[in-house]
């Protein structure tokens, strides 16, 4: 049994990490092509608009992973009708949030752009990116929902294929829209918005071949089911929201310290950070269905084995990520510094080396939160996620930036994740499996 659970672990985690790596190419492609065509101002506009993308992405993951957890638990107990009821309620929840985002894009995109800190230099580009992003929110949310349910229904390979296809299409469309068609930042976000549509076309084969164990049924909408979905999905939501909070907060602090050039440097750190977070998200999404099904079936041995495998994988992944960033920081920064701005280059290189000291702490906290929420203990998972999402980060960022300027800005994130990891260890020691 132990050998089988390791095989399942390797299959689910490797496929999800590969899929998330491809998914993170959304941001890499946008950043690279925008920097090449629009320079530092384009990078600044992208970074100012991106916190809202984190909110949309986080909402999709909250409903998708939260619903997937509940679906997997019920399916493992043979409660198929209730499992399909979870899917139905998750679809309606996605549609409700989609409507809110679309209305925000139609009527309040200018107001949100101002709140995000865009000045006259980058206001137009930022608003364009933000507005189109919000209008495509239904595609982002439904794509996350379907991927999570397909994965929890036993088809991680199809979920990965959909993510990779969407990402490749985004890169190709980015190039076509920005360069041959000269569509600028509108072309960049249009390519990103079309990617989940293409991804869902791949996922539709799952329904055409009638392999799906979940169905949209004629069931009443139940607040209790929706609250369970949201409760289980809070950790991935806060993980994404944390990226948005970090961007928003750091943009505000950096604008006062070094202006738009500093924000452009932070955008380089941010885009690489999103790739790093995607790797840990892949690990978390890979272990979640296995945790949920093993726990639902009452298999404590497998749950313990999975937790051990996840922690070992997290440590190896963290070491690989940090040493790659540390030794190749100048090359990574120069990829996005197409104007060869030396001030931008110096800020970005220093930022990369300090900011990503957080790697093992991020990984530990994300795995721990996934473990707790997948085994029906959402409260410690929620506490870990909320501490990561601003309760510690905000005061630490202001304190360190006031004492150490930009060095303090770069160090705020690893210090925050370290403090949260200490709390997470306390939860581990206090729990009884």
Protein backbone atom coordinates (compact mmCIF):
# COMPACT_ATOMS: atom_id res chain seq x y z
CA UNK A 1 0.00 0.00 0.00
CA UNK A 2 2.90 2.32 0.85
CA UNK A 3 4.42 1.72 -2.59
CA UNK A 4 1.09 2.50 -4.27
CA UNK A 5 0.65 5.76 -2.36
CA UNK A 6 4.16 6.83 -3.35
CA UNK A 7 3.37 6.12 -7.01
CA UNK A 8 0.17 8.15 -6.71
CA UNK A 9 2.06 10.92 -4.94
CA UNK A 10 4.71 11.08 -7.65
CA UNK A 11 2.10 11.03 -10.43
CA UNK A 12 -0.17 13.72 -8.99
CA UNK A 13 2.59 16.03 -7.77
CA UNK A 14 4.77 15.82 -10.89
CA UNK A 15 1.81 16.42 -13.22
CA UNK A 16 0.53 19.34 -11.17
CA UNK A 17 3.95 20.98 -10.83
CA UNK A 18 4.44 20.70 -14.60
CA UNK A 19 0.97 22.13 -15.17
CA UNK A 20 1.55 25.02 -12.76
CA UNK A 21 4.92 25.78 -14.35
CA UNK A 22 3.13 26.09 -17.66
CA UNK A 23 0.35 28.16 -16.09
CA UNK A 24 2.89 30.58 -14.64
CA UNK A 25 4.03 31.26 -18.20
CA UNK A 26 0.93 33.52 -18.43
CA UNK A 27 2.78 36.09 -16.36
CA UNK A 28 6.25 35.42 -17.74
CA UNK A 29 5.06 35.90 -21.31
CA UNK A 30 3.19 39.11 -20.48
CA UNK A 31 6.16 40.51 -18.56
CA UNK A 32 8.73 39.65 -21.21
CA UNK A 33 6.74 40.92 -24.20
CA UNK A 34 5.53 44.04 -22.39
CA UNK A 35 9.06 44.90 -21.25
CA UNK A 36 10.34 44.40 -24.80
CA UNK A 37 7.66 46.58 -26.38
CA UNK A 38 6.77 49.15 -23.68
CA UNK A 39 9.83 49.27 -21.40
CA UNK A 40 9.83 50.23 -17.71
CA UNK A 41 6.47 52.03 -17.91
CA UNK A 42 4.85 48.89 -19.27
CA UNK A 43 6.34 46.83 -16.44
CA UNK A 44 5.06 49.36 -13.90
CA UNK A 45 1.53 49.27 -15.38
CA UNK A 46 1.54 45.47 -15.36
CA UNK A 47 2.66 45.32 -11.75
CA UNK A 48 0.10 47.88 -10.58
CA UNK A 49 -2.76 45.97 -12.21
CA UNK A 50 -1.64 42.53 -11.11
CA UNK A 51 -3.00 42.52 -7.52
CA UNK A 52 -6.48 42.31 -9.04
CA UNK A 53 -5.40 39.29 -11.09
CA UNK A 54 -4.33 37.66 -7.81
CA UNK A 55 -7.81 38.34 -6.38
CA UNK A 56 -9.48 36.76 -9.44
CA UNK A 57 -7.06 33.83 -9.48
CA UNK A 58 -7.45 33.34 -5.73
CA UNK A 59 -11.25 33.34 -5.98
CA UNK A 60 -11.08 30.69 -8.69
CA UNK A 61 -8.75 28.53 -6.59
CA UNK A 62 -10.89 29.03 -3.48
CA UNK A 63 -14.00 27.70 -5.22
CA UNK A 64 -12.15 25.08 -7.30
CA UNK A 65 -9.92 23.61 -4.58
CA UNK A 66 -12.51 24.09 -1.83
CA UNK A 67 -15.14 22.37 -3.95
CA UNK A 68 -12.64 19.71 -5.02
CA UNK A 69 -11.82 18.87 -1.40
CA UNK A 70 -15.48 18.47 -0.48
CA UNK A 71 -16.16 16.47 -3.66
CA UNK A 72 -13.22 14.11 -3.02
CA UNK A 73 -14.22 13.50 0.61
CA UNK A 74 -17.82 12.65 -0.35
CA UNK A 75 -16.79 10.53 -3.33
CA UNK A 76 -14.39 8.47 -1.19
CA UNK A 77 -17.33 7.74 1.14
CA UNK A 78 -19.59 6.69 -1.76
CA UNK A 79 -21.93 9.71 -1.45
CA UNK A 80 -22.05 10.44 -5.19
CA UNK A 81 -25.25 12.50 -5.27
CA UNK A 82 -24.00 14.82 -2.53
CA UNK A 83 -20.67 15.04 -4.38
CA UNK A 84 -22.45 16.26 -7.53
CA UNK A 85 -24.41 18.72 -5.41
CA UNK A 86 -21.07 20.22 -4.34
CA UNK A 87 -20.12 20.67 -8.00
CA UNK A 88 -23.47 22.32 -8.77
CA UNK A 89 -23.14 24.77 -5.89
CA UNK A 90 -19.53 25.51 -6.86
CA UNK A 91 -20.64 26.42 -10.40
CA UNK A 92 -23.26 28.85 -9.08
CA UNK A 93 -20.76 30.36 -6.68
CA UNK A 94 -18.32 30.92 -9.57
CA UNK A 95 -21.03 32.60 -11.63
CA UNK A 96 -21.92 34.96 -8.75
CA UNK A 97 -18.32 36.09 -8.30
CA UNK A 98 -17.89 36.34 -12.09
CA UNK A 99 -20.79 38.79 -12.26
CA UNK A 100 -19.23 40.96 -9.54
CA UNK A 101 -15.88 41.12 -11.33
CA UNK A 102 -17.47 41.91 -14.71
CA UNK A 103 -19.56 44.74 -13.21
CA UNK A 104 -16.41 46.09 -11.54
CA UNK A 105 -14.64 46.08 -14.90
CA UNK A 106 -17.49 47.83 -16.72
CA UNK A 107 -18.24 50.56 -14.20
CA UNK A 108 -15.28 51.03 -11.82
CA UNK A 109 -12.06 50.15 -13.66
CA UNK A 110 -10.86 53.79 -13.52
CA UNK A 111 -11.53 54.07 -9.79
CA UNK A 112 -9.71 50.80 -9.08
CA UNK A 113 -6.77 51.94 -11.22
CA UNK A 114 -6.43 55.07 -9.09
CA UNK A 115 -6.63 53.05 -5.88
CA UNK A 116 -3.84 50.80 -7.14
CA UNK A 117 -1.55 53.85 -7.32
CA UNK A 118 -1.20 54.49 -11.07
CA UNK A 119 0.04 58.01 -11.89
CA UNK A 120 -0.61 59.93 -15.11
CA UNK A 121 2.36 58.29 -16.85
CA UNK A 122 0.98 54.77 -16.63
CA UNK A 123 -2.73 55.31 -15.87
CA UNK A 124 -4.04 54.53 -19.36
CA UNK A 125 -2.03 51.32 -19.77
CA UNK A 126 -2.92 50.13 -16.26
CA UNK A 127 -6.66 50.74 -16.75
CA UNK A 128 -6.69 48.94 -20.10
CA UNK A 129 -5.00 45.87 -18.63
CA UNK A 130 -7.25 45.91 -15.56
CA UNK A 131 -10.54 46.35 -17.41
CA UNK A 132 -10.02 43.53 -19.91
CA UNK A 133 -8.78 41.27 -17.11
CA UNK A 134 -11.99 41.82 -15.13
CA UNK A 135 -14.17 41.18 -18.19
CA UNK A 136 -12.46 37.81 -18.65
CA UNK A 137 -12.99 36.87 -14.97
CA UNK A 138 -15.71 34.26 -15.80
CA UNK A 139 -13.22 32.36 -17.95
CA UNK A 140 -10.53 32.43 -15.26
CA UNK A 141 -12.93 31.24 -12.54
CA UNK A 142 -14.61 28.46 -14.53
CA UNK A 143 -11.26 27.20 -15.78
CA UNK A 144 -9.98 26.83 -12.21
CA UNK A 145 -13.22 25.12 -11.17
CA UNK A 146 -13.11 22.53 -13.95
CA UNK A 147 -9.39 21.82 -13.54
CA UNK A 148 -9.77 21.17 -9.80
CA UNK A 149 -12.79 18.88 -10.20
CA UNK A 150 -11.22 16.94 -13.08
CA UNK A 151 -8.07 16.48 -10.96
CA UNK A 152 -10.09 15.30 -7.94
CA UNK A 153 -12.05 12.95 -10.21
CA UNK A 154 -8.87 11.02 -10.98
CA UNK A 155 -7.58 12.70 -14.17
CA UNK A 156 -4.56 14.86 -13.23
CA UNK A 157 -3.01 14.30 -16.67
CA UNK A 158 -5.93 15.99 -18.46
CA UNK A 159 -5.83 18.87 -15.99
CA UNK A 160 -2.11 19.29 -16.73
CA UNK A 161 -2.67 19.09 -20.49
CA UNK A 162 -5.29 21.84 -20.28
CA UNK A 163 -2.95 24.12 -18.28
CA UNK A 164 -0.05 23.55 -20.67
CA UNK A 165 -2.18 24.11 -23.79
CA UNK A 166 -3.61 27.32 -22.35
CA UNK A 167 -0.14 28.59 -21.47
CA UNK A 168 1.37 27.81 -24.86
CA UNK A 169 -1.54 29.54 -26.58
CA UNK A 170 -0.98 32.56 -24.34
CA UNK A 171 2.68 32.83 -25.35
CA UNK A 172 1.88 32.48 -29.06
CA UNK A 173 -0.99 34.99 -28.93
CA UNK A 174 1.11 37.40 -26.84
CA UNK A 175 3.72 37.53 -29.59
CA UNK A 176 1.15 37.87 -32.40
CA UNK A 177 -0.94 40.56 -30.68
CA UNK A 178 1.98 42.67 -29.38
CA UNK A 179 4.44 42.56 -32.28
CA UNK A 180 2.91 41.79 -35.72
CA UNK A 181 -0.46 43.37 -34.78
CA UNK A 182 0.99 46.17 -32.56
CA UNK A 183 -1.83 45.89 -30.01
CA UNK A 184 0.36 46.88 -27.05
CA UNK A 185 -0.80 46.14 -23.51
CA UNK A 186 -4.34 45.43 -24.77
CA UNK A 187 -2.93 42.58 -26.83
CA UNK A 188 -1.06 41.21 -23.80
CA UNK A 189 -4.14 40.96 -21.59
CA UNK A 190 -6.31 39.75 -24.50
CA UNK A 191 -3.90 36.83 -24.99
CA UNK A 192 -3.99 36.09 -21.26
CA UNK A 193 -7.79 36.23 -21.21
CA UNK A 194 -8.18 33.85 -24.15
CA UNK A 195 -5.85 31.25 -22.59
CA UNK A 196 -8.37 29.86 -20.05
CA UNK A 197 -11.00 29.69 -22.81
CA UNK A 198 -8.68 27.43 -24.80
CA UNK A 199 -7.87 25.45 -21.64
CA UNK A 200 -11.59 24.79 -21.06
CA UNK A 201 -11.93 23.52 -24.62
CA UNK A 202 -9.37 20.83 -23.73
CA UNK A 203 -11.21 20.00 -20.51
CA UNK A 204 -14.50 19.65 -22.40
CA UNK A 205 -13.25 16.33 -23.82
CA UNK A 206 -13.70 14.89 -20.32
CA UNK A 207 -17.45 15.49 -20.59
CA UNK A 208 -17.74 14.52 -24.26
CA UNK A 209 -16.20 11.11 -23.47
CA UNK A 210 -18.51 10.88 -20.44
CA UNK A 211 -15.70 10.11 -18.00
CA UNK A 212 -16.85 12.63 -15.43
CA UNK A 213 -18.01 11.38 -12.05
CA UNK A 214 -19.41 14.82 -11.18
CA UNK A 215 -22.52 16.28 -12.83
CA UNK A 216 -24.53 19.48 -12.82
CA UNK A 217 -27.75 18.35 -11.17
CA UNK A 218 -31.11 19.88 -10.37
CA UNK A 219 -30.29 20.58 -6.73
CA UNK A 220 -31.25 23.50 -4.54
CA UNK A 221 -28.54 26.01 -3.75
CA UNK A 222 -27.44 25.47 -0.19
CA UNK A 223 -25.63 28.07 1.89
CA UNK A 224 -24.14 25.32 4.06
CA UNK A 225 -22.45 23.66 1.05
CA UNK A 226 -21.20 27.00 -0.29
CA UNK A 227 -19.78 27.93 3.12
CA UNK A 228 -17.96 24.57 3.30
CA UNK A 229 -16.52 25.15 -0.18
CA UNK A 230 -15.34 28.63 0.79
CA UNK A 231 -13.99 27.44 4.15
CA UNK A 232 -11.96 24.64 2.55
CA UNK A 233 -10.74 27.01 -0.17
CA UNK A 234 -9.53 29.83 2.08
CA UNK A 235 -5.85 28.68 2.17
CA UNK A 236 -5.31 28.75 -1.64
CA UNK A 237 -7.33 31.97 -1.83
CA UNK A 238 -5.17 33.67 0.79
CA UNK A 239 -2.01 32.34 -0.86
CA UNK A 240 -2.98 34.16 -4.06
CA UNK A 241 -4.30 37.15 -2.15
CA UNK A 242 -0.98 37.37 -0.30
CA UNK A 243 0.77 37.87 -3.65
CA UNK A 244 -1.66 40.71 -4.38
CA UNK A 245 -1.23 42.23 -0.90
CA UNK A 246 2.56 42.04 -1.24
CA UNK A 247 2.38 43.76 -4.64
CA UNK A 248 0.00 46.47 -3.47
CA UNK A 249 1.84 47.16 -0.22
CA UNK A 250 5.32 47.00 -1.71
CA UNK A 251 4.30 49.16 -4.68
CA UNK A 252 3.09 51.81 -2.22
CA UNK A 253 6.29 51.67 -0.14
CA UNK A 254 8.67 51.44 -3.13
CA UNK A 255 7.03 54.36 -4.95
CA UNK A 256 7.98 56.56 -1.98
CA UNK A 257 11.51 55.18 -1.74
CA UNK A 258 12.68 54.86 -5.37
CA UNK A 259 9.75 55.81 -7.66
CA UNK A 260 8.67 54.00 -10.83
CA UNK A 261 12.13 52.47 -11.39
CA UNK A 262 11.87 50.68 -8.05
CA UNK A 263 8.39 49.43 -8.92
CA UNK A 264 9.73 48.14 -12.25
CA UNK A 265 12.50 46.29 -10.34
CA UNK A 266 9.90 44.84 -8.01
CA UNK A 267 7.87 43.70 -11.03
CA UNK A 268 10.85 41.51 -12.02
CA UNK A 269 10.95 40.03 -8.52
CA UNK A 270 7.17 39.63 -8.63
CA UNK A 271 7.02 37.74 -11.91
CA UNK A 272 9.65 35.27 -10.71
CA UNK A 273 7.84 35.04 -7.37
CA UNK A 274 4.64 34.03 -9.15
CA UNK A 275 6.53 31.20 -10.87
CA UNK A 276 7.94 30.09 -7.51
CA UNK A 277 4.50 30.21 -5.87
CA UNK A 278 3.12 28.24 -8.82
CA UNK A 279 5.61 25.43 -8.10
CA UNK A 280 4.48 25.22 -4.48
CA UNK A 281 0.86 25.47 -5.63
CA UNK A 282 1.50 22.50 -7.93
CA UNK A 283 2.80 20.52 -4.96
CA UNK A 284 -0.21 21.54 -2.84
CA UNK A 285 -2.73 20.77 -5.59
CA UNK A 286 -1.06 17.42 -6.21
CA UNK A 287 -1.25 16.25 -2.59
CA UNK A 288 -4.75 17.63 -1.91
CA UNK A 289 -6.82 14.92 -3.68
CA UNK A 290 -4.65 12.20 -2.11
CA UNK A 291 -4.93 13.69 1.38
CA UNK A 292 -8.70 14.10 1.01
CA UNK A 293 -9.40 10.61 -0.38
CA UNK A 294 -7.09 8.88 2.15
CA UNK A 295 -8.60 10.83 5.04
CA UNK A 296 -12.15 10.25 3.76
CA UNK A 297 -11.46 6.50 3.63
CA UNK A 298 -9.98 6.59 7.16
CA UNK A 299 -6.47 5.57 6.00
CA UNK A 300 -4.26 7.27 8.60
CA UNK A 301 -1.12 5.45 7.44
CA UNK A 302 -1.36 6.93 3.94
CA UNK A 303 -2.04 10.42 5.31
CA UNK A 304 1.16 10.29 7.39
CA UNK A 305 3.18 8.93 4.46
CA UNK A 306 1.88 11.64 2.14
CA UNK A 307 2.77 14.34 4.65
CA UNK A 308 6.32 13.02 4.88
CA UNK A 309 6.72 12.79 1.08
CA UNK A 310 5.37 16.33 0.69
CA UNK A 311 7.82 17.83 3.18
CA UNK A 312 10.83 16.10 1.61
CA UNK A 313 9.73 17.26 -1.85
CA UNK A 314 9.21 20.80 -0.55
CA UNK A 315 12.76 20.96 0.88
CA UNK A 316 14.37 19.66 -2.31
CA UNK A 317 12.29 22.05 -4.43
CA UNK A 318 13.19 25.01 -2.18
CA UNK A 319 16.92 24.29 -2.40
CA UNK A 320 16.75 24.02 -6.20
CA UNK A 321 14.76 27.25 -6.53
CA UNK A 322 16.91 29.39 -4.23
CA UNK A 323 20.29 28.29 -5.54
CA UNK A 324 19.12 28.84 -9.12
CA UNK A 325 17.92 32.36 -8.29
CA UNK A 326 20.99 33.24 -6.20
CA UNK A 327 23.58 32.23 -8.81
CA UNK A 328 21.63 33.47 -11.85
CA UNK A 329 20.07 36.66 -10.44
CA UNK A 330 21.88 39.03 -12.90
CA UNK A 331 20.81 36.94 -15.90
CA UNK A 332 17.22 36.68 -14.68
CA UNK A 333 17.00 40.44 -14.11
CA UNK A 334 18.51 41.29 -17.50
CA UNK A 335 15.88 39.20 -19.33
CA UNK A 336 13.23 41.74 -18.32
CA UNK A 337 15.52 44.79 -18.24
CA UNK A 338 15.45 45.34 -21.99
CA UNK A 339 16.42 49.02 -21.67
CA UNK A 340 19.63 48.02 -19.81
CA UNK A 341 18.81 50.40 -16.96
CA UNK A 342 21.65 49.92 -14.47
CA UNK A 343 19.70 51.27 -11.48
CA UNK A 344 16.86 48.88 -12.29
CA UNK A 345 19.33 46.00 -12.70
CA UNK A 346 21.05 46.61 -9.34
CA UNK A 347 17.75 46.89 -7.48
CA UNK A 348 16.35 43.72 -9.06
CA UNK A 349 19.46 41.59 -8.44
CA UNK A 350 19.61 42.55 -4.77
CA UNK A 351 15.88 42.01 -4.44
CA UNK A 352 15.99 38.53 -5.96
CA UNK A 353 18.72 37.33 -3.60
CA UNK A 354 17.03 38.64 -0.44
CA UNK A 355 13.32 38.15 -1.26
CA UNK A 356 13.64 34.45 -2.09
CA UNK A 357 15.24 33.54 1.21
CA UNK A 358 11.56 32.92 1.97
CA UNK A 359 11.41 29.79 -0.24
CA UNK A 360 11.50 26.96 2.36
CA UNK A 361 9.20 28.88 4.69
CA UNK A 362 6.62 29.49 1.92
CA UNK A 363 6.69 25.82 0.97
CA UNK A 364 6.30 24.61 4.55
CA UNK A 365 3.37 26.94 5.21
CA UNK A 366 1.55 26.02 2.00
CA UNK A 367 1.96 22.27 2.49
CA UNK A 368 0.86 22.57 6.11
CA UNK A 369 -2.25 24.58 5.22
CA UNK A 370 -3.17 22.07 2.48
CA UNK A 371 -2.67 19.15 4.88
CA UNK A 372 -4.98 20.61 7.51
CA UNK A 373 -7.75 21.73 5.16
CA UNK A 374 -7.71 18.44 3.21
CA UNK A 375 -8.12 16.44 6.41
CA UNK A 376 -11.15 18.44 7.57
CA UNK A 377 -9.31 20.72 9.99
CA UNK A 378 -9.82 24.08 8.31
CA UNK A 379 -9.21 26.33 11.35
CA UNK A 380 -5.43 25.93 11.67
CA UNK A 381 -5.18 26.15 7.86
CA UNK A 382 -7.17 29.37 7.89
CA UNK A 383 -5.04 30.81 10.71
CA UNK A 384 -1.81 30.03 8.82
CA UNK A 385 -3.21 31.59 5.67
CA UNK A 386 -4.50 34.73 7.39
CA UNK A 387 -1.18 35.28 9.16
CA UNK A 388 0.56 35.02 5.77
CA UNK A 389 -2.00 37.31 4.16
CA UNK A 390 -1.24 40.55 5.99
CA UNK A 391 -1.60 40.32 9.74
CA UNK A 392 2.18 39.94 10.08
CA UNK A 393 3.36 41.14 6.68
CA UNK A 394 1.94 44.67 6.82
CA UNK A 395 3.58 45.80 10.11
CA UNK A 396 6.83 43.99 9.26
CA UNK A 397 7.02 45.67 5.82
CA UNK A 398 6.51 49.17 7.23
CA UNK A 399 8.92 48.57 10.12
CA UNK A 400 11.78 47.11 8.07
CA UNK A 401 11.40 49.59 5.19
CA UNK A 402 11.59 52.51 7.63
CA UNK A 403 14.75 51.05 9.22
CA UNK A 404 16.55 49.60 6.18
CA UNK A 405 14.92 51.27 3.14
CA UNK A 406 14.88 48.92 0.11
CA UNK A 407 16.81 46.19 1.96
CA UNK A 408 13.99 46.18 4.50
CA UNK A 409 11.41 45.89 1.72
CA UNK A 410 13.13 42.82 0.27
CA UNK A 411 13.55 41.18 3.71
CA UNK A 412 9.95 41.74 4.89
CA UNK A 413 8.55 38.75 3.02
CA UNK A 414 11.05 36.09 4.24
CA UNK A 415 10.81 37.39 7.82
CA UNK A 416 7.00 37.14 7.66
CA UNK A 417 7.03 33.60 6.26
CA UNK A 418 9.57 32.52 8.91
CA UNK A 419 7.33 33.78 11.72
CA UNK A 420 4.31 31.99 10.21
CA UNK A 421 6.34 28.79 9.86
CA UNK A 422 7.07 28.86 13.60
CA UNK A 423 3.31 29.10 14.21
CA UNK A 424 2.72 26.23 11.74
CA UNK A 425 5.19 24.01 13.60
CA UNK A 426 3.20 24.72 16.76
CA UNK A 427 0.01 23.53 15.03
CA UNK A 428 1.77 20.36 13.89
CA UNK A 429 2.97 19.54 17.41
CA UNK A 430 -0.41 20.32 18.93
CA UNK A 431 -2.50 18.19 16.56
CA UNK A 432 -3.52 14.58 17.10
CA UNK A 433 -3.79 12.55 13.93
